[in-house]
């Protein structure tokens, strides 16, 4: 294996394990506003550990609303 191949594999591994969780946290429609920023910061500093927490708290939890209120048919906030 030449040096360029090793560098390319290293770059892809770094991107996959460090940058991808941050991008996925920012692009997710499951969180909004400051919640999205908080998950981005967590994923940035803790990488996959942060993304795993994000996945199980936000994506897997159907009761999580991402800080946005829900309204019923009469326009009242659902709690």
PDB file of N, CA and C in Angstrom:
ATOM      1  N   UNK A   1       0.844  -1.179   0.000  1.00  0.00           N
ATOM      2  CA  UNK A   1       0.000   0.000   0.000  1.00  0.00           C
ATOM      3  C   UNK A   1       0.890   1.244   0.000  1.00  0.00           C
ATOM      4  N   UNK A   2       0.627   2.156  -0.899  1.00  0.00           N
ATOM      5  CA  UNK A   2       1.443   3.364  -0.935  1.00  0.00           C
ATOM      6  C   UNK A   2       0.919   4.405   0.054  1.00  0.00           C
ATOM      7  N   UNK A   3       1.681   5.461   0.226  1.00  0.00           N
ATOM      8  CA  UNK A   3       1.375   6.492   1.216  1.00  0.00           C
ATOM      9  C   UNK A   3       0.062   7.199   0.897  1.00  0.00           C
ATOM     10  N   UNK A   4      -0.202   7.438  -0.366  1.00  0.00           N
ATOM     11  CA  UNK A   4      -1.426   8.133  -0.756  1.00  0.00           C
ATOM     12  C   UNK A   4      -2.676   7.327  -0.399  1.00  0.00           C
ATOM     13  N   UNK A   5      -2.620   6.032  -0.560  1.00  0.00           N
ATOM     14  CA  UNK A   5      -3.762   5.184  -0.190  1.00  0.00           C
ATOM     15  C   UNK A   5      -4.009   5.212   1.310  1.00  0.00           C
ATOM     16  N   UNK A   6      -2.942   5.165   2.088  1.00  0.00           N
ATOM     17  CA  UNK A   6      -3.076   5.217   3.544  1.00  0.00           C
ATOM     18  C   UNK A   6      -3.662   6.556   3.974  1.00  0.00           C
ATOM     19  N   UNK A   7      -3.208   7.646   3.366  1.00  0.00           N
ATOM     20  CA  UNK A   7      -3.747   8.970   3.686  1.00  0.00           C
ATOM     21  C   UNK A   7      -5.220   9.077   3.304  1.00  0.00           C
ATOM     22  N   UNK A   8      -5.589   8.519   2.170  1.00  0.00           N
ATOM     23  CA  UNK A   8      -6.991   8.569   1.737  1.00  0.00           C
ATOM     24  C   UNK A   8      -7.883   7.789   2.693  1.00  0.00           C
ATOM     25  N   UNK A   9      -7.438   6.617   3.104  1.00  0.00           N
ATOM     26  CA  UNK A   9      -8.218   5.824   4.061  1.00  0.00           C
ATOM     27  C   UNK A   9      -8.309   6.546   5.397  1.00  0.00           C
ATOM     28  N   UNK A  10      -7.219   7.151   5.827  1.00  0.00           N
ATOM     29  CA  UNK A  10      -7.228   7.918   7.079  1.00  0.00           C
ATOM     30  C   UNK A  10      -8.171   9.107   7.011  1.00  0.00           C
ATOM     31  N   UNK A  11      -8.187   9.801   5.879  1.00  0.00           N
ATOM     32  CA  UNK A  11      -9.093  10.937   5.720  1.00  0.00           C
ATOM     33  C   UNK A  11     -10.548  10.489   5.762  1.00  0.00           C
ATOM     34  N   UNK A  12     -10.864   9.413   5.063  1.00  0.00           N
ATOM     35  CA  UNK A  12     -12.239   8.913   5.059  1.00  0.00           C
ATOM     36  C   UNK A  12     -12.671   8.448   6.446  1.00  0.00           C
ATOM     37  N   UNK A  13     -11.778   7.792   7.168  1.00  0.00           N
ATOM     38  CA  UNK A  13     -12.102   7.346   8.527  1.00  0.00           C
ATOM     39  C   UNK A  13     -12.330   8.542   9.445  1.00  0.00           C
ATOM     40  N   UNK A  14     -11.491   9.562   9.326  1.00  0.00           N
ATOM     41  CA  UNK A  14     -11.658  10.773  10.134  1.00  0.00           C
ATOM     42  C   UNK A  14     -12.975  11.451   9.808  1.00  0.00           C
ATOM     43  N   UNK A  15     -13.295  11.566   8.536  1.00  0.00           N
ATOM     44  CA  UNK A  15     -14.556  12.180   8.143  1.00  0.00           C
ATOM     45  C   UNK A  15     -15.737  11.394   8.697  1.00  0.00           C
ATOM     46  N   UNK A  16     -15.694  10.081   8.542  1.00  0.00           N
ATOM     47  CA  UNK A  16     -16.816   9.239   8.958  1.00  0.00           C
ATOM     48  C   UNK A  16     -17.035   9.287  10.465  1.00  0.00           C
ATOM     49  N   UNK A  17     -15.972   9.244  11.244  1.00  0.00           N
ATOM     50  CA  UNK A  17     -16.120   9.155  12.692  1.00  0.00           C
ATOM     51  C   UNK A  17     -16.195  10.502  13.401  1.00  0.00           C
ATOM     52  N   UNK A  18     -15.757  11.589  12.761  1.00  0.00           N
ATOM     53  CA  UNK A  18     -15.749  12.881  13.445  1.00  0.00           C
ATOM     54  C   UNK A  18     -16.677  13.921  12.839  1.00  0.00           C
ATOM     55  N   UNK A  19     -16.752  13.993  11.547  1.00  0.00           N
ATOM     56  CA  UNK A  19     -17.518  15.054  10.894  1.00  0.00           C
ATOM     57  C   UNK A  19     -18.958  14.628  10.615  1.00  0.00           C
ATOM     58  N   UNK A  20     -19.167  13.406  10.228  1.00  0.00           N
ATOM     59  CA  UNK A  20     -20.500  12.937   9.858  1.00  0.00           C
ATOM     60  C   UNK A  20     -21.532  13.084  10.979  1.00  0.00           C
ATOM     61  N   UNK A  21     -21.220  12.756  12.240  1.00  0.00           N
ATOM     62  CA  UNK A  21     -22.228  12.952  13.293  1.00  0.00           C
ATOM     63  C   UNK A  21     -22.668  14.409  13.433  1.00  0.00           C
ATOM     64  N   UNK A  22     -21.742  15.343  13.268  1.00  0.00           N
ATOM     65  CA  UNK A  22     -22.094  16.765  13.355  1.00  0.00           C
ATOM     66  C   UNK A  22     -23.042  17.158  12.228  1.00  0.00           C
ATOM     67  N   UNK A  23     -22.746  16.710  11.035  1.00  0.00           N
ATOM     68  CA  UNK A  23     -23.594  17.026   9.887  1.00  0.00           C
ATOM     69  C   UNK A  23     -24.979  16.409  10.061  1.00  0.00           C
ATOM     70  N   UNK A  24     -25.034  15.171  10.514  1.00  0.00           N
ATOM     71  CA  UNK A  24     -26.324  14.511  10.710  1.00  0.00           C
ATOM     72  C   UNK A  24     -27.153  15.202  11.787  1.00  0.00           C
ATOM     73  N   UNK A  25     -26.511  15.684  12.846  1.00  0.00           N
ATOM     74  CA  UNK A  25     -27.238  16.398  13.897  1.00  0.00           C
ATOM     75  C   UNK A  25     -27.802  17.715  13.371  1.00  0.00           C
ATOM     76  N   UNK A  26     -27.051  18.414  12.520  1.00  0.00           N
ATOM     77  CA  UNK A  26     -27.532  19.689  11.972  1.00  0.00           C
ATOM     78  C   UNK A  26     -28.639  19.503  10.938  1.00  0.00           C
ATOM     79  N   UNK A  27     -28.607  18.426  10.197  1.00  0.00           N
ATOM     80  CA  UNK A  27     -29.583  18.223   9.128  1.00  0.00           C
ATOM     81  C   UNK A  27     -30.851  17.505   9.575  1.00  0.00           C
ATOM     82  N   UNK A  28     -30.876  17.023  10.795  1.00  0.00           N
ATOM     83  CA  UNK A  28     -32.028  16.263  11.267  1.00  0.00           C
ATOM     84  C   UNK A  28     -33.247  17.162  11.441  1.00  0.00           C
ATOM     85  N   UNK A  29     -34.401  16.647  11.072  1.00  0.00           N
ATOM     86  CA  UNK A  29     -35.648  17.390  11.260  1.00  0.00           C
ATOM     87  C   UNK A  29     -36.312  17.031  12.585  1.00  0.00           C
ATOM     88  N   UNK A  30     -35.695  16.168  13.364  1.00  0.00           N
ATOM     89  CA  UNK A  30     -36.266  15.729  14.639  1.00  0.00           C
ATOM     90  C   UNK A  30     -36.045  16.736  15.760  1.00  0.00           C
ATOM     91  N   UNK A  31     -35.089  17.648  15.616  1.00  0.00           N
ATOM     92  CA  UNK A  31     -34.808  18.658  16.638  1.00  0.00           C
ATOM     93  C   UNK A  31     -34.814  20.029  15.967  1.00  0.00           C
ATOM     94  N   UNK A  32     -35.028  21.076  16.779  1.00  0.00           N
ATOM     95  CA  UNK A  32     -35.090  22.427  16.215  1.00  0.00           C
ATOM     96  C   UNK A  32     -34.447  23.423  17.169  1.00  0.00           C
ATOM     97  N   UNK A  33     -34.016  24.556  16.613  1.00  0.00           N
ATOM     98  CA  UNK A  33     -33.520  25.668  17.412  1.00  0.00           C
ATOM     99  C   UNK A  33     -32.303  25.329  18.251  1.00  0.00           C
ATOM    100  N   UNK A  34     -32.372  25.727  19.525  1.00  0.00           N
ATOM    101  CA  UNK A  34     -31.246  25.506  20.429  1.00  0.00           C
ATOM    102  C   UNK A  34     -30.998  24.025  20.688  1.00  0.00           C
ATOM    103  N   UNK A  35     -32.034  23.216  20.570  1.00  0.00           N
ATOM    104  CA  UNK A  35     -31.848  21.776  20.739  1.00  0.00           C
ATOM    105  C   UNK A  35     -30.911  21.241  19.654  1.00  0.00           C
ATOM    106  N   UNK A  36     -31.091  21.721  18.436  1.00  0.00           N
ATOM    107  CA  UNK A  36     -30.246  21.274  17.331  1.00  0.00           C
ATOM    108  C   UNK A  36     -28.801  21.720  17.543  1.00  0.00           C
ATOM    109  N   UNK A  37     -28.625  22.962  18.018  1.00  0.00           N
ATOM    110  CA  UNK A  37     -27.278  23.475  18.280  1.00  0.00           C
ATOM    111  C   UNK A  37     -26.617  22.684  19.403  1.00  0.00           C
ATOM    112  N   UNK A  38     -27.377  22.382  20.443  1.00  0.00           N
ATOM    113  CA  UNK A  38     -26.822  21.611  21.563  1.00  0.00           C
ATOM    114  C   UNK A  38     -26.384  20.226  21.104  1.00  0.00           C
ATOM    115  N   UNK A  39     -27.188  19.581  20.275  1.00  0.00           N
ATOM    116  CA  UNK A  39     -26.809  18.253  19.780  1.00  0.00           C
ATOM    117  C   UNK A  39     -25.606  18.344  18.853  1.00  0.00           C
ATOM    118  N   UNK A  40     -25.500  19.419  18.084  1.00  0.00           N
ATOM    119  CA  UNK A  40     -24.330  19.603  17.231  1.00  0.00           C
ATOM    120  C   UNK A  40     -23.067  19.736  18.071  1.00  0.00           C
ATOM    121  N   UNK A  41     -23.127  20.566  19.114  1.00  0.00           N
ATOM    122  CA  UNK A  41     -21.954  20.766  19.980  1.00  0.00           C
ATOM    123  C   UNK A  41     -21.573  19.457  20.669  1.00  0.00           C
ATOM    124  N   UNK A  42     -22.568  18.734  21.157  1.00  0.00           N
ATOM    125  CA  UNK A  42     -22.301  17.447  21.796  1.00  0.00           C
ATOM    126  C   UNK A  42     -21.657  16.478  20.807  1.00  0.00           C
ATOM    127  N   UNK A  43     -22.180  16.414  19.605  1.00  0.00           N
ATOM    128  CA  UNK A  43     -21.617  15.520  18.593  1.00  0.00           C
ATOM    129  C   UNK A  43     -20.225  15.980  18.168  1.00  0.00           C
ATOM    130  N   UNK A  44     -19.989  17.290  18.145  1.00  0.00           N
ATOM    131  CA  UNK A  44     -18.686  17.817  17.745  1.00  0.00           C
ATOM    132  C   UNK A  44     -17.613  17.437  18.753  1.00  0.00           C
ATOM    133  N   UNK A  45     -17.915  17.597  20.030  1.00  0.00           N
ATOM    134  CA  UNK A  45     -16.904  17.340  21.051  1.00  0.00           C
ATOM    135  C   UNK A  45     -16.807  15.869  21.451  1.00  0.00           C
ATOM    136  N   UNK A  46     -17.889  15.136  21.342  1.00  0.00           N
ATOM    137  CA  UNK A  46     -17.864  13.741  21.781  1.00  0.00           C
ATOM    138  C   UNK A  46     -18.098  12.761  20.636  1.00  0.00           C
ATOM    139  N   UNK A  47     -18.164  13.256  19.423  1.00  0.00           N
ATOM    140  CA  UNK A  47     -18.295  12.473  18.200  1.00  0.00           C
ATOM    141  C   UNK A  47     -19.371  11.401  18.300  1.00  0.00           C
ATOM    142  N   UNK A  48     -19.027  10.159  18.136  1.00  0.00           N
ATOM    143  CA  UNK A  48     -20.038   9.110  18.054  1.00  0.00           C
ATOM    144  C   UNK A  48     -20.755   8.875  19.360  1.00  0.00           C
ATOM    145  N   UNK A  49     -20.119   9.131  20.471  1.00  0.00           N
ATOM    146  CA  UNK A  49     -20.816   9.017  21.749  1.00  0.00           C
ATOM    147  C   UNK A  49     -21.963  10.022  21.788  1.00  0.00           C
ATOM    148  N   UNK A  50     -21.697  11.245  21.344  1.00  0.00           N
ATOM    149  CA  UNK A  50     -22.743  12.257  21.288  1.00  0.00           C
ATOM    150  C   UNK A  50     -23.847  11.895  20.316  1.00  0.00           C
ATOM    151  N   UNK A  51     -23.477  11.331  19.169  1.00  0.00           N
ATOM    152  CA  UNK A  51     -24.503  10.967  18.202  1.00  0.00           C
ATOM    153  C   UNK A  51     -25.351   9.800  18.703  1.00  0.00           C
ATOM    154  N   UNK A  52     -24.744   8.848  19.406  1.00  0.00           N
ATOM    155  CA  UNK A  52     -25.525   7.738  19.950  1.00  0.00           C
ATOM    156  C   UNK A  52     -26.538   8.233  20.980  1.00  0.00           C
ATOM    157  N   UNK A  53     -26.122   9.173  21.825  1.00  0.00           N
ATOM    158  CA  UNK A  53     -27.062   9.752  22.791  1.00  0.00           C
ATOM    159  C   UNK A  53     -28.178  10.466  22.045  1.00  0.00           C
ATOM    160  N   UNK A  54     -27.823  11.260  21.030  1.00  0.00           N
ATOM    161  CA  UNK A  54     -28.804  11.974  20.215  1.00  0.00           C
ATOM    162  C   UNK A  54     -29.790  10.988  19.573  1.00  0.00           C
ATOM    163  N   UNK A  55     -29.271   9.905  19.039  1.00  0.00           N
ATOM    164  CA  UNK A  55     -30.121   8.925  18.366  1.00  0.00           C
ATOM    165  C   UNK A  55     -31.142   8.319  19.321  1.00  0.00           C
ATOM    166  N   UNK A  56     -30.692   7.898  20.490  1.00  0.00           N
ATOM    167  CA  UNK A  56     -31.600   7.219  21.408  1.00  0.00           C
ATOM    168  C   UNK A  56     -32.532   8.178  22.142  1.00  0.00           C
ATOM    169  N   UNK A  57     -32.131   9.437  22.328  1.00  0.00           N
ATOM    170  CA  UNK A  57     -32.995  10.393  23.027  1.00  0.00           C
ATOM    171  C   UNK A  57     -33.982  11.046  22.068  1.00  0.00           C
ATOM    172  N   UNK A  58     -33.511  11.498  20.912  1.00  0.00           N
ATOM    173  CA  UNK A  58     -34.355  12.282  20.008  1.00  0.00           C
ATOM    174  C   UNK A  58     -35.037  11.420  18.953  1.00  0.00           C
ATOM    175  N   UNK A  59     -34.292  10.617  18.260  1.00  0.00           N
ATOM    176  CA  UNK A  59     -34.860   9.885  17.134  1.00  0.00           C
ATOM    177  C   UNK A  59     -35.717   8.712  17.599  1.00  0.00           C
ATOM    178  N   UNK A  60     -35.270   7.958  18.582  1.00  0.00           N
ATOM    179  CA  UNK A  60     -36.008   6.783  19.028  1.00  0.00           C
ATOM    180  C   UNK A  60     -37.156   7.116  19.972  1.00  0.00           C
ATOM    181  N   UNK A  61     -37.146   8.282  20.624  1.00  0.00           N
ATOM    182  CA  UNK A  61     -38.181   8.651  21.588  1.00  0.00           C
ATOM    183  C   UNK A  61     -39.308   9.386  20.865  1.00  0.00           C
ATOM    184  N   UNK A  62     -40.465   8.765  20.678  1.00  0.00           N
ATOM    185  CA  UNK A  62     -41.548   9.418  19.932  1.00  0.00           C
ATOM    186  C   UNK A  62     -42.173  10.596  20.672  1.00  0.00           C
ATOM    187  N   UNK A  63     -41.961  10.714  21.976  1.00  0.00           N
ATOM    188  CA  UNK A  63     -42.560  11.813  22.730  1.00  0.00           C
ATOM    189  C   UNK A  63     -41.717  13.085  22.667  1.00  0.00           C
ATOM    190  N   UNK A  64     -40.480  13.009  22.153  1.00  0.00           N
ATOM    191  CA  UNK A  64     -39.615  14.185  22.073  1.00  0.00           C
ATOM    192  C   UNK A  64     -40.108  15.090  20.955  1.00  0.00           C
ATOM    193  N   UNK A  65     -40.335  16.383  21.276  1.00  0.00           N
ATOM    194  CA  UNK A  65     -40.903  17.304  20.290  1.00  0.00           C
ATOM    195  C   UNK A  65     -39.904  18.334  19.797  1.00  0.00           C
ATOM    196  N   UNK A  66     -38.679  18.324  20.305  1.00  0.00           N
ATOM    197  CA  UNK A  66     -37.664  19.247  19.806  1.00  0.00           C
ATOM    198  C   UNK A  66     -37.912  20.695  20.145  1.00  0.00           C
ATOM    199  N   UNK A  67     -38.617  20.979  21.217  1.00  0.00           N
ATOM    200  CA  UNK A  67     -38.824  22.350  21.641  1.00  0.00           C
ATOM    201  C   UNK A  67     -39.961  23.066  20.934  1.00  0.00           C
ATOM    202  N   UNK A  68     -40.602  22.444  19.975  1.00  0.00           N
ATOM    203  CA  UNK A  68     -41.711  23.075  19.261  1.00  0.00           C
ATOM    204  C   UNK A  68     -43.033  22.634  19.873  1.00  0.00           C
ATOM    205  N   UNK A  69     -43.920  23.583  20.164  1.00  0.00           N
ATOM    206  CA  UNK A  69     -45.218  23.180  20.725  1.00  0.00           C
ATOM    207  C   UNK A  69     -46.091  22.525  19.658  1.00  0.00           C
ATOM    208  N   UNK A  70     -46.925  21.601  20.096  1.00  0.00           N
ATOM    209  CA  UNK A  70     -47.907  20.969  19.215  1.00  0.00           C
ATOM    210  C   UNK A  70     -49.265  21.572  19.511  1.00  0.00           C
ATOM    211  N   UNK A  71     -50.105  21.658  18.489  1.00  0.00           N
ATOM    212  CA  UNK A  71     -51.420  22.265  18.630  1.00  0.00           C
ATOM    213  C   UNK A  71     -52.497  21.264  18.239  1.00  0.00           C
ATOM    214  N   UNK A  72     -53.641  21.346  18.928  1.00  0.00           N
ATOM    215  CA  UNK A  72     -54.770  20.506  18.545  1.00  0.00           C
ATOM    216  C   UNK A  72     -55.592  21.225  17.481  1.00  0.00           C
ATOM    217  N   UNK A  73     -56.737  20.664  17.105  1.00  0.00           N
ATOM    218  CA  UNK A  73     -57.550  21.240  16.034  1.00  0.00           C
ATOM    219  C   UNK A  73     -58.157  22.593  16.405  1.00  0.00           C
ATOM    220  N   UNK A  74     -58.232  22.900  17.708  1.00  0.00           N
ATOM    221  CA  UNK A  74     -58.777  24.187  18.160  1.00  0.00           C
ATOM    222  C   UNK A  74     -57.691  25.245  18.343  1.00  0.00           C
ATOM    223  N   UNK A  75     -56.431  24.896  18.082  1.00  0.00           N
ATOM    224  CA  UNK A  75     -55.341  25.853  18.201  1.00  0.00           C
ATOM    225  C   UNK A  75     -54.729  25.924  19.588  1.00  0.00           C
ATOM    226  N   UNK A  76     -55.111  25.012  20.480  1.00  0.00           N
ATOM    227  CA  UNK A  76     -54.548  25.004  21.831  1.00  0.00           C
ATOM    228  C   UNK A  76     -53.278  24.160  21.853  1.00  0.00           C
ATOM    229  N   UNK A  77     -52.346  24.543  22.724  1.00  0.00           N
ATOM    230  CA  UNK A  77     -51.093  23.808  22.857  1.00  0.00           C
ATOM    231  C   UNK A  77     -51.356  22.479  23.551  1.00  0.00           C
ATOM    232  N   UNK A  78     -50.818  21.412  22.962  1.00  0.00           N
ATOM    233  CA  UNK A  78     -50.924  20.079  23.555  1.00  0.00           C
ATOM    234  C   UNK A  78     -49.717  19.879  24.459  1.00  0.00           C
ATOM    235  N   UNK A  79     -49.955  19.496  25.712  1.00  0.00           N
ATOM    236  CA  UNK A  79     -48.845  19.284  26.650  1.00  0.00           C
ATOM    237  C   UNK A  79     -48.597  17.836  26.877  1.00  0.00           C
TER     238      UNK A  79
END
